[in-house]
Amino acid sequence: MIAGRGSAVGIVAVAILGGIALGAHAEPRAVVELFTSQGCSSCPPADKLLGELRNDPALVVVSLQVHYWDYLGWKDTLADPRHTARQKAYSLMRGDGDVYTPQVVVNGAAHALGSDRAAIEKAVDTARSRGAHLSVTVEIAVVNGQVSVTVGKGEEGLAGEVWLWAVASTVPVSIRRGENKGRTVTYANVVRRWVKLGDWLGRGAWTVPVADVKAEMVDSVAVIVQSGHAGEPGTILGAGVAQLH
């Protein structure tokens, strides 16, 4: 749907959300953000595809529910205004004004139709060709009720913010009204809480209590290092994920 133009042991953060571990030398190739909505009839195929993509150990995938289709008759139970704001900010930073569902944004640099696997792969290649290739290392350890994050050194002059997303790996929703009335849709790697760990100026380390990131059904965390700031998000420089239990 088109919303309109303009409109415990240390767990290294190379464990893919959903419980599939990467190899010791594997590195994440892309962060795939799916902007979706329970009120969007064209979104369920994208939601299903995201559940498949999370099995790729080279991808960090999350779904971010938006609320701008609520007026169609069903209020999205997972939507967060920050997700809508992030999607719109991406469109402004790209300069194309494209805001729609289902939309995938890859490494903060390229977008594609969320139900088109080939288009998503092309967006991954496009993002990496633009220099968004996750060159900054991110390590996460979950020990003694604490989430510890270490971000490595980046290229000279790079700076940005470090964000932690609290993620629920599987969330089934029975939709009773609107365009998807009568359907039960399972959402994969749903972002349920945002925690800003801090600003990043080349390297850094942060620790946050697990209790501060837990929310309903949350079982994982994703950490991203992103240039720019929340209101003007740039390319994603590094990413990692880990299970909370």
C-alpha atoms as a PDB file:
ATOM      1  CA  MET A   1       0.000   0.000   0.000  1.00  0.00           C
ATOM      2  CA  ILE A   2       1.306   3.452  -0.861  1.00  0.00           C
ATOM      3  CA  ALA A   3       1.100   6.070   1.860  1.00  0.00           C
ATOM      4  CA  GLY A   4       1.985   8.748  -0.651  1.00  0.00           C
ATOM      5  CA  ARG A   5       5.088  10.515  -1.834  1.00  0.00           C
ATOM      6  CA  GLY A   6       6.508  13.045   0.574  1.00  0.00           C
ATOM      7  CA  SER A   7       4.311  11.801   2.867  1.00  0.00           C
ATOM      8  CA  ALA A   8      25.533 -17.147  30.580  1.00  0.00           C
ATOM      9  CA  VAL A   9      28.605 -16.641  28.522  1.00  0.00           C
ATOM     10  CA  GLY A  10      29.498 -13.720  26.401  1.00  0.00           C
ATOM     11  CA  ILE A  11      27.422 -14.013  23.278  1.00  0.00           C
ATOM     12  CA  VAL A  12      29.182 -12.346  20.373  1.00  0.00           C
ATOM     13  CA  ALA A  13      26.727 -10.319  18.364  1.00  0.00           C
ATOM     14  CA  VAL A  14      26.859 -12.560  15.364  1.00  0.00           C
ATOM     15  CA  ALA A  15      23.971 -14.730  16.502  1.00  0.00           C
ATOM     16  CA  ILE A  16      21.114 -14.162  14.112  1.00  0.00           C
ATOM     17  CA  LEU A  17      17.731 -13.239  15.556  1.00  0.00           C
ATOM     18  CA  GLY A  18      15.593 -16.356  15.713  1.00  0.00           C
ATOM     19  CA  GLY A  19      18.326 -18.480  17.237  1.00  0.00           C
ATOM     20  CA  ILE A  20      20.539 -19.387  14.275  1.00  0.00           C
ATOM     21  CA  ALA A  21      24.199 -18.793  15.047  1.00  0.00           C
ATOM     22  CA  LEU A  22      26.676 -17.459  12.561  1.00  0.00           C
ATOM     23  CA  GLY A  23      30.013 -19.100  12.046  1.00  0.00           C
ATOM     24  CA  ALA A  24      33.005 -17.814  13.979  1.00  0.00           C
ATOM     25  CA  HIS A  25      34.239 -15.732  11.040  1.00  0.00           C
ATOM     26  CA  ALA A  26      30.884 -14.717   9.605  1.00  0.00           C
ATOM     27  CA  GLU A  27      29.967 -11.056   9.404  1.00  0.00           C
ATOM     28  CA  PRO A  28      26.531  -9.528   8.908  1.00  0.00           C
ATOM     29  CA  ARG A  29      26.076  -8.411   5.317  1.00  0.00           C
ATOM     30  CA  ALA A  30      22.984  -6.277   5.717  1.00  0.00           C
ATOM     31  CA  VAL A  31      20.400  -4.911   8.112  1.00  0.00           C
ATOM     32  CA  VAL A  32      16.926  -5.377   6.631  1.00  0.00           C
ATOM     33  CA  GLU A  33      14.175  -3.240   8.179  1.00  0.00           C
ATOM     34  CA  LEU A  34      10.629  -4.113   7.104  1.00  0.00           C
ATOM     35  CA  PHE A  35       8.024  -1.389   7.576  1.00  0.00           C
ATOM     36  CA  THR A  36       4.696  -3.184   7.739  1.00  0.00           C
ATOM     37  CA  SER A  37       1.174  -2.878   9.107  1.00  0.00           C
ATOM     38  CA  GLN A  38      -1.582  -5.169  10.302  1.00  0.00           C
ATOM     39  CA  GLY A  39      -4.002  -2.951   8.387  1.00  0.00           C
ATOM     40  CA  CYS A  40      -2.266  -3.452   5.032  1.00  0.00           C
ATOM     41  CA  SER A  41      -3.688  -6.190   2.805  1.00  0.00           C
ATOM     42  CA  SER A  42      -0.486  -6.419   0.746  1.00  0.00           C
ATOM     43  CA  CYS A  43       1.760  -6.858   3.795  1.00  0.00           C
ATOM     44  CA  PRO A  44       1.274 -10.525   4.854  1.00  0.00           C
ATOM     45  CA  PRO A  45       3.456 -11.884   2.000  1.00  0.00           C
ATOM     46  CA  ALA A  46       6.243  -9.525   3.114  1.00  0.00           C
ATOM     47  CA  ASP A  47       5.806 -10.557   6.742  1.00  0.00           C
ATOM     48  CA  LYS A  48       6.122 -14.194   5.684  1.00  0.00           C
ATOM     49  CA  LEU A  49       9.211 -13.440   3.580  1.00  0.00           C
ATOM     50  CA  LEU A  50      10.884 -11.656   6.487  1.00  0.00           C
ATOM     51  CA  GLY A  51      10.382 -14.795   8.565  1.00  0.00           C
ATOM     52  CA  GLU A  52      12.281 -16.684   5.874  1.00  0.00           C
ATOM     53  CA  LEU A  53      15.021 -14.081   5.470  1.00  0.00           C
ATOM     54  CA  ARG A  54      15.909 -14.242   9.148  1.00  0.00           C
ATOM     55  CA  ASN A  55      17.214 -17.757   8.490  1.00  0.00           C
ATOM     56  CA  ASP A  56      19.992 -16.231   6.392  1.00  0.00           C
ATOM     57  CA  PRO A  57      22.930 -15.918   8.833  1.00  0.00           C
ATOM     58  CA  ALA A  58      24.328 -12.958   6.902  1.00  0.00           C
ATOM     59  CA  LEU A  59      21.238 -10.812   7.475  1.00  0.00           C
ATOM     60  CA  VAL A  60      20.000  -8.937  10.522  1.00  0.00           C
ATOM     61  CA  VAL A  61      16.265  -8.543   9.973  1.00  0.00           C
ATOM     62  CA  VAL A  62      13.627  -6.677  11.973  1.00  0.00           C
ATOM     63  CA  SER A  63      10.029  -5.649  11.422  1.00  0.00           C
ATOM     64  CA  LEU A  64       8.768  -2.218  12.422  1.00  0.00           C
ATOM     65  CA  GLN A  65       5.006  -1.786  12.470  1.00  0.00           C
ATOM     66  CA  VAL A  66       3.621   1.602  11.429  1.00  0.00           C
ATOM     67  CA  HIS A  67       0.297   3.133  12.414  1.00  0.00           C
ATOM     68  CA  TYR A  68      -0.828   5.206   9.424  1.00  0.00           C
ATOM     69  CA  TRP A  69      -3.254   2.542   8.147  1.00  0.00           C
ATOM     70  CA  ASP A  70      -5.147   2.374  11.452  1.00  0.00           C
ATOM     71  CA  TYR A  71      -7.942   4.485   9.979  1.00  0.00           C
ATOM     72  CA  LEU A  72      -8.918   1.586   7.691  1.00  0.00           C
ATOM     73  CA  GLY A  73     -10.616  -0.141  10.614  1.00  0.00           C
ATOM     74  CA  TRP A  74      -7.960  -1.977  12.638  1.00  0.00           C
ATOM     75  CA  LYS A  75      -5.523  -0.415  15.080  1.00  0.00           C
ATOM     76  CA  ASP A  76      -2.150  -2.110  14.696  1.00  0.00           C
ATOM     77  CA  THR A  77      -1.343  -3.725  18.044  1.00  0.00           C
ATOM     78  CA  LEU A  78       2.436  -3.550  17.469  1.00  0.00           C
ATOM     79  CA  ALA A  79       2.733  -0.118  15.858  1.00  0.00           C
ATOM     80  CA  ASP A  80       5.029   2.531  17.299  1.00  0.00           C
ATOM     81  CA  PRO A  81       5.054   6.181  16.174  1.00  0.00           C
ATOM     82  CA  ARG A  82       8.859   6.015  16.147  1.00  0.00           C
ATOM     83  CA  HIS A  83       8.668   3.432  13.378  1.00  0.00           C
ATOM     84  CA  THR A  84       6.526   5.723  11.239  1.00  0.00           C
ATOM     85  CA  ALA A  85       8.838   8.655  11.962  1.00  0.00           C
ATOM     86  CA  ARG A  86      11.873   6.566  11.048  1.00  0.00           C
ATOM     87  CA  GLN A  87      10.367   5.465   7.739  1.00  0.00           C
ATOM     88  CA  LYS A  88       9.478   9.040   6.806  1.00  0.00           C
ATOM     89  CA  ALA A  89      12.914  10.276   7.861  1.00  0.00           C
ATOM     90  CA  TYR A  90      14.550   7.692   5.614  1.00  0.00           C
ATOM     91  CA  SER A  91      12.493   8.906   2.644  1.00  0.00           C
ATOM     92  CA  LEU A  92      13.523  12.497   3.289  1.00  0.00           C
ATOM     93  CA  MET A  93      17.189  11.573   3.639  1.00  0.00           C
ATOM     94  CA  ARG A  94      17.059   9.635   0.346  1.00  0.00           C
ATOM     95  CA  GLY A  95      15.233  12.533  -1.243  1.00  0.00           C
ATOM     96  CA  ASP A  96      12.589  10.387  -2.964  1.00  0.00           C
ATOM     97  CA  GLY A  97       9.710  10.789  -0.499  1.00  0.00           C
ATOM     98  CA  ASP A  98       8.721   7.135  -0.948  1.00  0.00           C
ATOM     99  CA  VAL A  99       6.743   5.925   2.070  1.00  0.00           C
ATOM    100  CA  TYR A 100       4.692   2.756   1.622  1.00  0.00           C
ATOM    101  CA  THR A 101       4.004  -0.676   3.027  1.00  0.00           C
ATOM    102  CA  PRO A 102       5.425  -3.209   2.810  1.00  0.00           C
ATOM    103  CA  GLN A 103       8.743  -1.383   2.429  1.00  0.00           C
ATOM    104  CA  VAL A 104      12.194  -2.702   3.205  1.00  0.00           C
ATOM    105  CA  VAL A 105      15.119  -0.406   3.935  1.00  0.00           C
ATOM    106  CA  VAL A 106      18.570  -1.979   3.701  1.00  0.00           C
ATOM    107  CA  ASN A 107      21.512  -0.627   5.719  1.00  0.00           C
ATOM    108  CA  GLY A 108      19.715   2.702   5.885  1.00  0.00           C
ATOM    109  CA  ALA A 109      20.678   3.359   2.264  1.00  0.00           C
ATOM    110  CA  ALA A 110      18.331   1.648  -0.218  1.00  0.00           C
ATOM    111  CA  HIS A 111      14.704   0.552  -0.257  1.00  0.00           C
ATOM    112  CA  ALA A 112      12.640  -2.136  -1.955  1.00  0.00           C
ATOM    113  CA  LEU A 113       9.206  -3.728  -1.984  1.00  0.00           C
ATOM    114  CA  GLY A 114       9.103  -5.898   1.112  1.00  0.00           C
ATOM    115  CA  SER A 115       7.477  -8.873  -0.606  1.00  0.00           C
ATOM    116  CA  ASP A 116       9.986  -9.046  -3.480  1.00  0.00           C
ATOM    117  CA  ARG A 117      12.965 -11.222  -2.561  1.00  0.00           C
ATOM    118  CA  ALA A 118      14.915 -10.326  -5.720  1.00  0.00           C
ATOM    119  CA  ALA A 119      14.348  -6.610  -5.164  1.00  0.00           C
ATOM    120  CA  ILE A 120      15.570  -6.921  -1.590  1.00  0.00           C
ATOM    121  CA  GLU A 121      18.744  -8.683  -2.738  1.00  0.00           C
ATOM    122  CA  LYS A 122      19.258  -5.921  -5.293  1.00  0.00           C
ATOM    123  CA  ALA A 123      18.812  -3.324  -2.537  1.00  0.00           C
ATOM    124  CA  VAL A 124      21.459  -5.129  -0.474  1.00  0.00           C
ATOM    125  CA  ASP A 125      23.878  -4.872  -3.401  1.00  0.00           C
ATOM    126  CA  THR A 126      22.936  -1.218  -3.973  1.00  0.00           C
ATOM    127  CA  ALA A 127      23.450  -0.303  -0.330  1.00  0.00           C
ATOM    128  CA  ARG A 128      26.842  -1.976  -0.216  1.00  0.00           C
ATOM    129  CA  SER A 129      27.908  -0.280  -3.442  1.00  0.00           C
ATOM    130  CA  ARG A 130      27.124   3.029  -1.767  1.00  0.00           C
ATOM    131  CA  GLY A 131      29.522   2.226   1.060  1.00  0.00           C
ATOM    132  CA  ALA A 132      26.924   0.913   3.516  1.00  0.00           C
ATOM    133  CA  HIS A 133      28.683  -2.373   4.162  1.00  0.00           C
ATOM    134  CA  LEU A 134      28.655  -2.720   7.968  1.00  0.00           C
ATOM    135  CA  SER A 135      32.375  -2.154   8.408  1.00  0.00           C
ATOM    136  CA  VAL A 136      32.135  -1.445  12.152  1.00  0.00           C
ATOM    137  CA  THR A 137      32.236  -4.458  14.466  1.00  0.00           C
ATOM    138  CA  VAL A 138      29.558  -4.861  17.129  1.00  0.00           C
ATOM    139  CA  GLU A 139      29.847  -7.386  19.935  1.00  0.00           C
ATOM    140  CA  ILE A 140      27.177  -8.145  22.525  1.00  0.00           C
ATOM    141  CA  ALA A 141      27.476 -10.172  25.728  1.00  0.00           C
ATOM    142  CA  VAL A 142      24.546 -11.094  27.973  1.00  0.00           C
ATOM    143  CA  VAL A 143      25.960 -11.931  31.393  1.00  0.00           C
ATOM    144  CA  ASN A 144      24.556 -11.722  34.929  1.00  0.00           C
ATOM    145  CA  GLY A 145      21.487  -9.782  33.934  1.00  0.00           C
ATOM    146  CA  GLN A 146      23.442  -7.204  31.934  1.00  0.00           C
ATOM    147  CA  VAL A 147      23.690  -6.549  28.202  1.00  0.00           C
ATOM    148  CA  SER A 148      27.192  -5.337  27.366  1.00  0.00           C
ATOM    149  CA  VAL A 149      27.889  -3.834  23.953  1.00  0.00           C
ATOM    150  CA  THR A 150      31.300  -3.113  22.458  1.00  0.00           C
ATOM    151  CA  VAL A 151      31.610  -1.191  19.203  1.00  0.00           C
ATOM    152  CA  GLY A 152      34.886  -1.295  17.316  1.00  0.00           C
ATOM    153  CA  LYS A 153      36.828   1.368  15.483  1.00  0.00           C
ATOM    154  CA  GLY A 154      35.524   2.741  12.229  1.00  0.00           C
ATOM    155  CA  GLU A 155      37.001   4.691   9.380  1.00  0.00           C
ATOM    156  CA  GLU A 156      38.462   8.093  10.186  1.00  0.00           C
ATOM    157  CA  GLY A 157      35.786  10.739  10.535  1.00  0.00           C
ATOM    158  CA  LEU A 158      32.845   8.377  10.994  1.00  0.00           C
ATOM    159  CA  ALA A 159      30.391   9.172  13.766  1.00  0.00           C
ATOM    160  CA  GLY A 160      26.858   8.286  14.674  1.00  0.00           C
ATOM    161  CA  GLU A 161      24.565   6.844  17.308  1.00  0.00           C
ATOM    162  CA  VAL A 162      24.330   3.412  18.903  1.00  0.00           C
ATOM    163  CA  TRP A 163      20.830   2.044  19.385  1.00  0.00           C
ATOM    164  CA  LEU A 164      19.587  -1.131  21.008  1.00  0.00           C
ATOM    165  CA  TRP A 165      16.309  -2.642  19.836  1.00  0.00           C
ATOM    166  CA  ALA A 166      14.443  -5.058  22.091  1.00  0.00           C
ATOM    167  CA  VAL A 167      13.056  -7.705  19.748  1.00  0.00           C
ATOM    168  CA  ALA A 168      10.318 -10.333  19.949  1.00  0.00           C
ATOM    169  CA  SER A 169      11.254 -13.138  17.575  1.00  0.00           C
ATOM    170  CA  THR A 170       7.712 -14.415  16.915  1.00  0.00           C
ATOM    171  CA  VAL A 171       4.439 -12.566  17.447  1.00  0.00           C
ATOM    172  CA  PRO A 172       1.181 -14.060  16.097  1.00  0.00           C
ATOM    173  CA  VAL A 173      -1.705 -11.591  15.797  1.00  0.00           C
ATOM    174  CA  SER A 174      -5.362 -12.406  15.081  1.00  0.00           C
ATOM    175  CA  ILE A 175      -6.746  -9.470  13.121  1.00  0.00           C
ATOM    176  CA  ARG A 176     -10.456  -8.921  13.626  1.00  0.00           C
ATOM    177  CA  ARG A 177     -11.190  -5.892  11.475  1.00  0.00           C
ATOM    178  CA  GLY A 178      -9.869  -3.981   8.493  1.00  0.00           C
ATOM    179  CA  GLU A 179      -8.324  -5.281   5.277  1.00  0.00           C
ATOM    180  CA  ASN A 180      -6.891  -8.398   6.937  1.00  0.00           C
ATOM    181  CA  LYS A 181     -10.033  -9.264   8.908  1.00  0.00           C
ATOM    182  CA  GLY A 182     -10.119 -12.929   9.901  1.00  0.00           C
ATOM    183  CA  ARG A 183      -6.412 -13.551   9.285  1.00  0.00           C
ATOM    184  CA  THR A 184      -3.802 -14.549  11.822  1.00  0.00           C
ATOM    185  CA  VAL A 185      -0.443 -13.124  10.782  1.00  0.00           C
ATOM    186  CA  THR A 186       2.842 -14.122  12.398  1.00  0.00           C
ATOM    187  CA  TYR A 187       5.348 -11.289  12.629  1.00  0.00           C
ATOM    188  CA  ALA A 188       9.069 -12.026  12.836  1.00  0.00           C
ATOM    189  CA  ASN A 189      11.691 -10.111  14.827  1.00  0.00           C
ATOM    190  CA  VAL A 190       9.376  -7.333  15.943  1.00  0.00           C
ATOM    191  CA  VAL A 191      11.015  -4.259  17.467  1.00  0.00           C
ATOM    192  CA  ARG A 192       9.232  -3.615  20.770  1.00  0.00           C
ATOM    193  CA  ARG A 193      11.492  -1.124  22.532  1.00  0.00           C
ATOM    194  CA  TRP A 194      14.194   1.399  21.629  1.00  0.00           C
ATOM    195  CA  VAL A 195      17.137   2.242  23.892  1.00  0.00           C
ATOM    196  CA  LYS A 196      19.768   4.765  22.847  1.00  0.00           C
ATOM    197  CA  LEU A 197      23.080   3.507  24.210  1.00  0.00           C
ATOM    198  CA  GLY A 198      25.005   6.616  23.262  1.00  0.00           C
ATOM    199  CA  ASP A 199      26.846   8.588  20.634  1.00  0.00           C
ATOM    200  CA  TRP A 200      29.653   6.863  18.747  1.00  0.00           C
ATOM    201  CA  LEU A 201      32.789   8.734  17.761  1.00  0.00           C
ATOM    202  CA  GLY A 202      35.031   5.892  16.644  1.00  0.00           C
ATOM    203  CA  ARG A 203      34.660   3.223  19.305  1.00  0.00           C
ATOM    204  CA  GLY A 204      32.827   2.688  22.579  1.00  0.00           C
ATOM    205  CA  ALA A 205      31.327   0.339  25.148  1.00  0.00           C
ATOM    206  CA  TRP A 206      28.026   0.371  27.013  1.00  0.00           C
ATOM    207  CA  THR A 207      26.189  -1.775  29.558  1.00  0.00           C
ATOM    208  CA  VAL A 208      22.456  -1.815  30.239  1.00  0.00           C
ATOM    209  CA  PRO A 209      20.428  -4.040  32.592  1.00  0.00           C
ATOM    210  CA  VAL A 210      18.374  -6.709  30.836  1.00  0.00           C
ATOM    211  CA  ALA A 211      15.406  -5.457  32.873  1.00  0.00           C
ATOM    212  CA  ASP A 212      15.635  -2.126  31.049  1.00  0.00           C
ATOM    213  CA  VAL A 213      15.210  -3.717  27.630  1.00  0.00           C
ATOM    214  CA  LYS A 214      12.671  -6.420  28.418  1.00  0.00           C
ATOM    215  CA  ALA A 215       9.112  -6.017  27.197  1.00  0.00           C
ATOM    216  CA  GLU A 216       6.273  -8.350  26.323  1.00  0.00           C
ATOM    217  CA  MET A 217       7.561 -11.375  24.340  1.00  0.00           C
ATOM    218  CA  VAL A 218      11.036  -9.833  23.956  1.00  0.00           C
ATOM    219  CA  ASP A 219      13.700 -12.532  23.722  1.00  0.00           C
ATOM    220  CA  SER A 220      16.504 -10.901  21.704  1.00  0.00           C
ATOM    221  CA  VAL A 221      18.314  -7.630  21.183  1.00  0.00           C
ATOM    222  CA  ALA A 222      19.673  -6.006  18.061  1.00  0.00           C
ATOM    223  CA  VAL A 223      22.265  -3.241  18.198  1.00  0.00           C
ATOM    224  CA  ILE A 224      22.956  -0.884  15.320  1.00  0.00           C
ATOM    225  CA  VAL A 225      25.564   1.790  14.791  1.00  0.00           C
ATOM    226  CA  GLN A 226      24.120   4.380  12.440  1.00  0.00           C
ATOM    227  CA  SER A 227      25.454   7.609  11.018  1.00  0.00           C
ATOM    228  CA  GLY A 228      23.435  10.767  11.497  1.00  0.00           C
ATOM    229  CA  HIS A 229      20.859  10.816  14.277  1.00  0.00           C
ATOM    230  CA  ALA A 230      17.359   9.495  14.920  1.00  0.00           C
ATOM    231  CA  GLY A 231      15.689  12.405  13.130  1.00  0.00           C
ATOM    232  CA  GLU A 232      18.046  12.213  10.153  1.00  0.00           C
ATOM    233  CA  PRO A 233      19.197   8.589   9.915  1.00  0.00           C
ATOM    234  CA  GLY A 234      22.123   7.850   7.630  1.00  0.00           C
ATOM    235  CA  THR A 235      23.776   4.618   6.586  1.00  0.00           C
ATOM    236  CA  ILE A 236      24.096   1.805   9.098  1.00  0.00           C
ATOM    237  CA  LEU A 237      27.764   1.286   9.900  1.00  0.00           C
ATOM    238  CA  GLY A 238      27.600  -1.870  11.974  1.00  0.00           C
ATOM    239  CA  ALA A 239      25.123  -4.254  13.587  1.00  0.00           C
ATOM    240  CA  GLY A 240      24.833  -7.269  15.812  1.00  0.00           C
ATOM    241  CA  VAL A 241      22.214  -9.390  17.555  1.00  0.00           C
ATOM    242  CA  ALA A 242      22.032 -11.713  20.541  1.00  0.00           C
ATOM    243  CA  GLN A 243      19.548 -13.835  22.430  1.00  0.00           C
ATOM    244  CA  LEU A 244      18.564 -12.732  25.939  1.00  0.00           C
ATOM    245  CA  HIS A 245      18.096 -16.316  27.119  1.00  0.00           C
END
